[in-house]
Amino acid sequence: MKLMKLALSVCALGLLAGGALAQDQSGTVAGIEFQTPKNGMVKQFEEGRKAKAAWQKEQNDKTPLLVSEILTGERTGTYIVGQFNMHWADFDKPSVPDAADADEYNKVVGPYVERRVTTYYEFLPKWSNPMLGMAPKFISVTTIHLKYGKGQDFQSVVEKIHEADQKLKTPVHPEWYRLANGGRGGTYVITTGHADWASFEDNPAIKSIRDRLKEAFGEQEATAVIQRLNDSIESTYSELIQTRPDLSYIPGK
């Protein structure tokens, strides 16, 4: 059943790197671009991103820029370029002027980009439980589109699942984001980091979401929560991304 698979994803999973970083700073906004290289120009695109990172270092840019590559789904081959842990006000006063940054992008990256989509997400710390200290190689991403008018029902479901996991001390590490601008309303994203391919194996020690709800709150409450989950979601979409530290910019490195 599609929505039951989602319920399992919520406990098995955890735009995206950055949730763990967001615990260290108060900013919760992520500015994320999806950049698709032109056909046959992946090498040039990646060299351009390395040159852009080197330029940011020369400018003593204070803001990290994290790059990942989408490995599965309809956007395979697209790169995710993101600034995390931001406040909205930070975009008013970037450490490198926007005009200079855009000029450098247009010079070393832009000629090799077929499509560029800008979005803004908000990290949701109350729903999340990042695995601190982990530098993931892969990140699982599940995008959720809600039915119109079902936002409050969905929020109550996620809060109940989070409450059950805290009560049972379930070793799951979801990281939640809400799309704030740049796409369809009622869009949420769940991510989790993976150290390697072996970590994608099912963990028999983690019970299904229904069983955890039942253990925490009883059969009747578990059935009601799962029903609200099923009724609130219109569709889900899964992707796998690989982090690309070789293309990213981290101040001081």
Protein backbone atom coordinates (compact mmCIF):
# COMPACT_ATOMS: atom_id res chain seq x y z
CA MET A 1 0.00 0.00 0.00
CA LYS A 2 1.58 3.30 -1.14
CA LEU A 3 0.93 5.33 1.98
CA MET A 4 1.96 2.56 4.30
CA LYS A 5 5.26 2.49 2.42
CA LEU A 6 5.52 6.20 3.15
CA ALA A 7 4.90 5.54 6.82
CA LEU A 8 7.79 3.11 6.79
CA SER A 9 9.89 5.71 4.96
CA VAL A 10 9.23 8.21 7.71
CA CYS A 11 10.86 5.93 10.22
CA ALA A 12 13.57 4.51 7.95
CA LEU A 13 14.67 7.83 6.46
CA GLY A 14 15.55 10.66 8.49
CA LEU A 15 17.46 19.58 -0.81
CA LEU A 16 19.35 17.35 1.46
CA ALA A 17 22.50 17.96 3.50
CA GLY A 18 22.34 20.48 6.29
CA GLY A 19 19.94 19.32 9.00
CA ALA A 20 22.80 18.30 11.27
CA LEU A 21 24.50 21.62 10.66
CA ALA A 22 21.31 23.46 11.51
CA GLN A 23 21.55 22.16 15.06
CA ASP A 24 24.74 24.18 15.59
CA GLN A 25 23.29 27.49 14.48
CA SER A 26 19.95 29.18 14.91
CA GLY A 27 19.21 29.76 11.22
CA THR A 28 16.74 27.32 9.67
CA VAL A 29 16.41 28.58 6.09
CA ALA A 30 17.97 26.72 3.16
CA GLY A 31 18.43 28.43 -0.20
CA ILE A 32 18.69 25.64 -2.76
CA GLU A 33 19.31 25.70 -6.50
CA PHE A 34 18.83 22.75 -8.85
CA GLN A 35 21.39 23.10 -11.65
CA THR A 36 21.23 20.75 -14.65
CA PRO A 37 24.35 20.67 -16.86
CA LYS A 38 24.03 20.86 -20.62
CA ASN A 39 24.28 17.55 -22.46
CA GLY A 40 27.92 16.51 -22.78
CA MET A 41 29.18 19.29 -20.50
CA VAL A 42 29.24 17.59 -17.09
CA LYS A 43 33.04 17.79 -16.91
CA GLN A 44 33.05 21.49 -17.74
CA PHE A 45 30.26 22.11 -15.24
CA GLU A 46 32.15 20.37 -12.44
CA GLU A 47 35.38 22.20 -13.26
CA GLY A 48 33.36 25.42 -13.16
CA ARG A 49 31.98 24.60 -9.74
CA LYS A 50 35.51 23.91 -8.47
CA ALA A 51 36.65 27.24 -9.88
CA LYS A 52 33.68 28.95 -8.21
CA ALA A 53 34.60 27.39 -4.85
CA ALA A 54 38.21 28.55 -5.26
CA TRP A 55 36.98 32.06 -6.02
CA GLN A 56 34.78 32.07 -2.90
CA LYS A 57 37.84 31.13 -0.86
CA GLU A 58 39.75 34.05 -2.37
CA GLN A 59 36.85 36.34 -1.41
CA ASN A 60 36.89 34.99 2.16
CA ASP A 61 33.21 34.10 1.79
CA LYS A 62 31.73 33.30 5.21
CA THR A 63 28.82 31.20 3.89
CA PRO A 64 29.27 27.49 3.05
CA LEU A 65 27.93 26.27 -0.29
CA LEU A 66 27.16 22.54 -0.31
CA VAL A 67 26.85 20.60 -3.57
CA SER A 68 25.22 17.21 -4.13
CA GLU A 69 24.37 15.20 -7.25
CA ILE A 70 21.01 13.48 -7.86
CA LEU A 71 21.54 9.79 -8.70
CA THR A 72 17.98 8.51 -9.21
CA GLY A 73 14.61 9.62 -10.54
CA GLU A 74 13.56 12.06 -13.24
CA ARG A 75 16.20 14.60 -12.20
CA THR A 76 19.15 12.19 -12.43
CA GLY A 77 22.27 14.17 -13.30
CA THR A 78 21.02 17.43 -11.77
CA TYR A 79 23.15 19.03 -9.04
CA ILE A 80 21.82 20.53 -5.82
CA VAL A 81 23.67 23.67 -4.69
CA GLY A 82 22.60 24.86 -1.27
CA GLN A 83 23.18 27.37 1.51
CA PHE A 84 21.95 26.03 4.86
CA ASN A 85 21.53 27.36 8.43
CA MET A 86 20.51 30.78 7.12
CA HIS A 87 18.21 33.45 8.53
CA TRP A 88 16.03 35.24 6.00
CA ALA A 89 17.86 38.47 6.89
CA ASP A 90 21.19 36.88 5.91
CA PHE A 91 20.19 37.12 2.28
CA ASP A 92 20.03 40.93 2.68
CA LYS A 93 23.69 41.11 3.67
CA PRO A 94 25.72 38.33 2.00
CA SER A 95 29.44 38.25 2.84
CA VAL A 96 30.15 38.41 -0.90
CA PRO A 97 28.02 40.91 -2.87
CA ASP A 98 25.32 39.27 -4.97
CA ALA A 99 26.41 41.09 -8.12
CA ALA A 100 30.01 39.88 -7.85
CA ASP A 101 28.86 36.34 -7.05
CA ALA A 102 26.51 36.33 -10.06
CA ASP A 103 29.25 37.63 -12.36
CA GLU A 104 31.60 34.84 -11.30
CA TYR A 105 28.87 32.21 -11.66
CA ASN A 106 28.00 33.46 -15.16
CA LYS A 107 31.67 33.30 -16.12
CA VAL A 108 32.73 29.89 -14.81
CA VAL A 109 29.50 27.85 -14.32
CA GLY A 110 26.62 29.44 -16.23
CA PRO A 111 27.80 28.58 -19.78
CA TYR A 112 27.48 24.87 -18.97
CA VAL A 113 24.03 24.97 -17.30
CA GLU A 114 20.91 23.94 -19.22
CA ARG A 115 18.38 24.63 -16.46
CA ARG A 116 18.46 26.39 -13.11
CA VAL A 117 15.66 26.34 -10.51
CA THR A 118 15.82 28.31 -7.24
CA THR A 119 13.87 27.29 -4.12
CA TYR A 120 13.79 28.10 -0.41
CA TYR A 121 13.10 25.55 2.32
CA GLU A 122 12.72 25.83 6.09
CA PHE A 123 14.27 23.18 8.32
CA LEU A 124 11.82 21.87 10.95
CA PRO A 125 13.85 21.09 14.10
CA LYS A 126 10.83 20.06 16.20
CA TRP A 127 10.15 17.14 13.85
CA SER A 128 13.76 16.20 13.17
CA ASN A 129 16.40 14.07 14.85
CA PRO A 130 19.63 14.48 12.85
CA MET A 131 22.53 12.11 13.32
CA LEU A 132 25.14 14.55 14.61
CA GLY A 133 28.77 14.20 13.62
CA MET A 134 28.04 12.18 10.49
CA ALA A 135 29.47 13.17 7.10
CA PRO A 136 27.15 11.21 4.77
CA LYS A 137 28.16 9.96 1.34
CA PHE A 138 24.54 9.48 0.25
CA ILE A 139 21.28 11.17 1.26
CA SER A 140 17.81 9.66 0.79
CA VAL A 141 15.17 12.24 -0.07
CA THR A 142 11.38 11.75 0.02
CA THR A 143 9.23 14.64 -1.23
CA ILE A 144 5.63 14.71 0.04
CA HIS A 145 2.77 16.64 -1.58
CA LEU A 146 -0.28 17.13 0.64
CA LYS A 147 -3.91 17.27 -0.36
CA TYR A 148 -5.38 20.78 -0.23
CA GLY A 149 -6.59 21.68 3.26
CA LYS A 150 -4.87 18.74 4.96
CA GLY A 151 -1.88 20.60 6.38
CA GLN A 152 -3.01 20.54 10.01
CA ASP A 153 -3.93 16.85 9.85
CA PHE A 154 -0.52 16.01 8.43
CA GLN A 155 1.30 18.09 11.02
CA SER A 156 -0.57 16.35 13.84
CA VAL A 157 0.44 12.97 12.38
CA VAL A 158 4.13 13.83 12.16
CA GLU A 159 4.10 15.24 15.70
CA LYS A 160 2.51 12.01 16.96
CA ILE A 161 5.09 9.86 15.17
CA HIS A 162 7.88 12.01 16.58
CA GLU A 163 6.37 11.74 20.06
CA ALA A 164 6.21 7.95 19.77
CA ASP A 165 9.83 7.71 18.63
CA GLN A 166 10.98 9.90 21.51
CA LYS A 167 8.94 7.86 24.00
CA LEU A 168 10.35 4.57 22.69
CA LYS A 169 13.84 5.97 22.00
CA THR A 170 13.63 4.62 18.45
CA PRO A 171 17.00 5.00 16.65
CA VAL A 172 15.66 6.85 13.60
CA HIS A 173 17.06 10.12 12.28
CA PRO A 174 14.62 11.98 10.03
CA GLU A 175 15.38 15.53 8.94
CA TRP A 176 12.32 17.51 7.87
CA TYR A 177 11.98 20.52 5.57
CA ARG A 178 9.02 22.56 4.35
CA LEU A 179 9.06 24.30 0.99
CA ALA A 180 8.73 28.02 1.72
CA ASN A 181 8.98 29.40 -1.83
CA GLY A 182 9.71 28.24 -5.34
CA GLY A 183 7.21 25.46 -5.95
CA ARG A 184 3.96 23.79 -5.08
CA GLY A 185 2.30 24.59 -1.75
CA GLY A 186 1.96 21.84 0.83
CA THR A 187 5.36 20.33 -0.03
CA TYR A 188 7.50 18.67 2.63
CA VAL A 189 10.81 16.84 2.35
CA ILE A 190 12.33 14.14 4.56
CA THR A 191 16.04 13.37 4.30
CA THR A 192 18.52 11.06 6.00
CA GLY A 193 22.22 10.49 5.56
CA HIS A 194 23.91 7.19 4.68
CA ALA A 195 27.58 6.37 5.12
CA ASP A 196 27.59 3.73 2.38
CA TRP A 197 25.37 1.44 0.26
CA ALA A 198 25.24 -1.21 2.99
CA SER A 199 23.37 1.20 5.27
CA PHE A 200 20.32 1.00 2.97
CA GLU A 201 19.56 -2.54 4.18
CA ASP A 202 16.40 -2.78 6.30
CA ASN A 203 17.14 -2.69 10.01
CA PRO A 204 15.17 -5.52 11.68
CA ALA A 205 15.58 -3.76 15.03
CA ILE A 206 13.31 -0.92 13.91
CA LYS A 207 9.62 -1.74 14.04
CA SER A 208 7.09 -0.47 11.52
CA ILE A 209 5.54 2.91 12.20
CA ARG A 210 2.18 1.29 12.99
CA ASP A 211 3.77 -1.07 15.51
CA ARG A 212 5.64 1.79 17.16
CA LEU A 213 2.48 3.87 17.42
CA LYS A 214 0.63 0.87 18.84
CA GLU A 215 3.34 0.25 21.42
CA ALA A 216 3.44 3.93 22.43
CA PHE A 217 -0.28 4.79 22.37
CA GLY A 218 -2.35 1.64 21.82
CA GLU A 219 -4.11 0.03 18.85
CA GLN A 220 -6.96 2.55 18.53
CA GLU A 221 -4.70 5.59 18.44
CA ALA A 222 -2.28 3.89 16.03
CA THR A 223 -5.10 3.12 13.58
CA ALA A 224 -6.39 6.70 13.78
CA VAL A 225 -2.94 8.20 13.13
CA ILE A 226 -2.29 5.96 10.13
CA GLN A 227 -5.72 6.82 8.71
CA ARG A 228 -5.01 10.56 9.01
CA LEU A 229 -1.65 10.00 7.33
CA ASN A 230 -3.25 8.19 4.41
CA ASP A 231 -5.97 10.81 4.08
CA SER A 232 -3.63 13.81 4.09
CA ILE A 233 -1.10 12.83 1.40
CA GLU A 234 -1.66 13.20 -2.31
CA SER A 235 1.66 11.79 -3.57
CA THR A 236 5.26 11.03 -2.66
CA TYR A 237 8.47 10.93 -4.68
CA SER A 238 11.84 9.45 -3.72
CA GLU A 239 15.34 10.33 -4.86
CA LEU A 240 18.89 9.47 -3.87
CA ILE A 241 21.65 12.05 -3.90
CA GLN A 242 25.39 11.81 -3.43
CA THR A 243 27.26 14.53 -1.58
CA ARG A 244 30.05 16.20 -3.55
CA PRO A 245 32.52 17.77 -1.13
CA ASP A 246 34.94 18.15 -4.05
CA LEU A 247 32.57 20.71 -5.58
CA SER A 248 31.48 22.36 -2.34
CA TYR A 249 32.84 25.38 -0.53
CA ILE A 250 33.49 25.28 3.22
CA PRO A 251 35.05 28.39 4.81
CA GLY A 252 38.47 27.71 6.31
CA LYS A 253 39.12 24.65 4.13
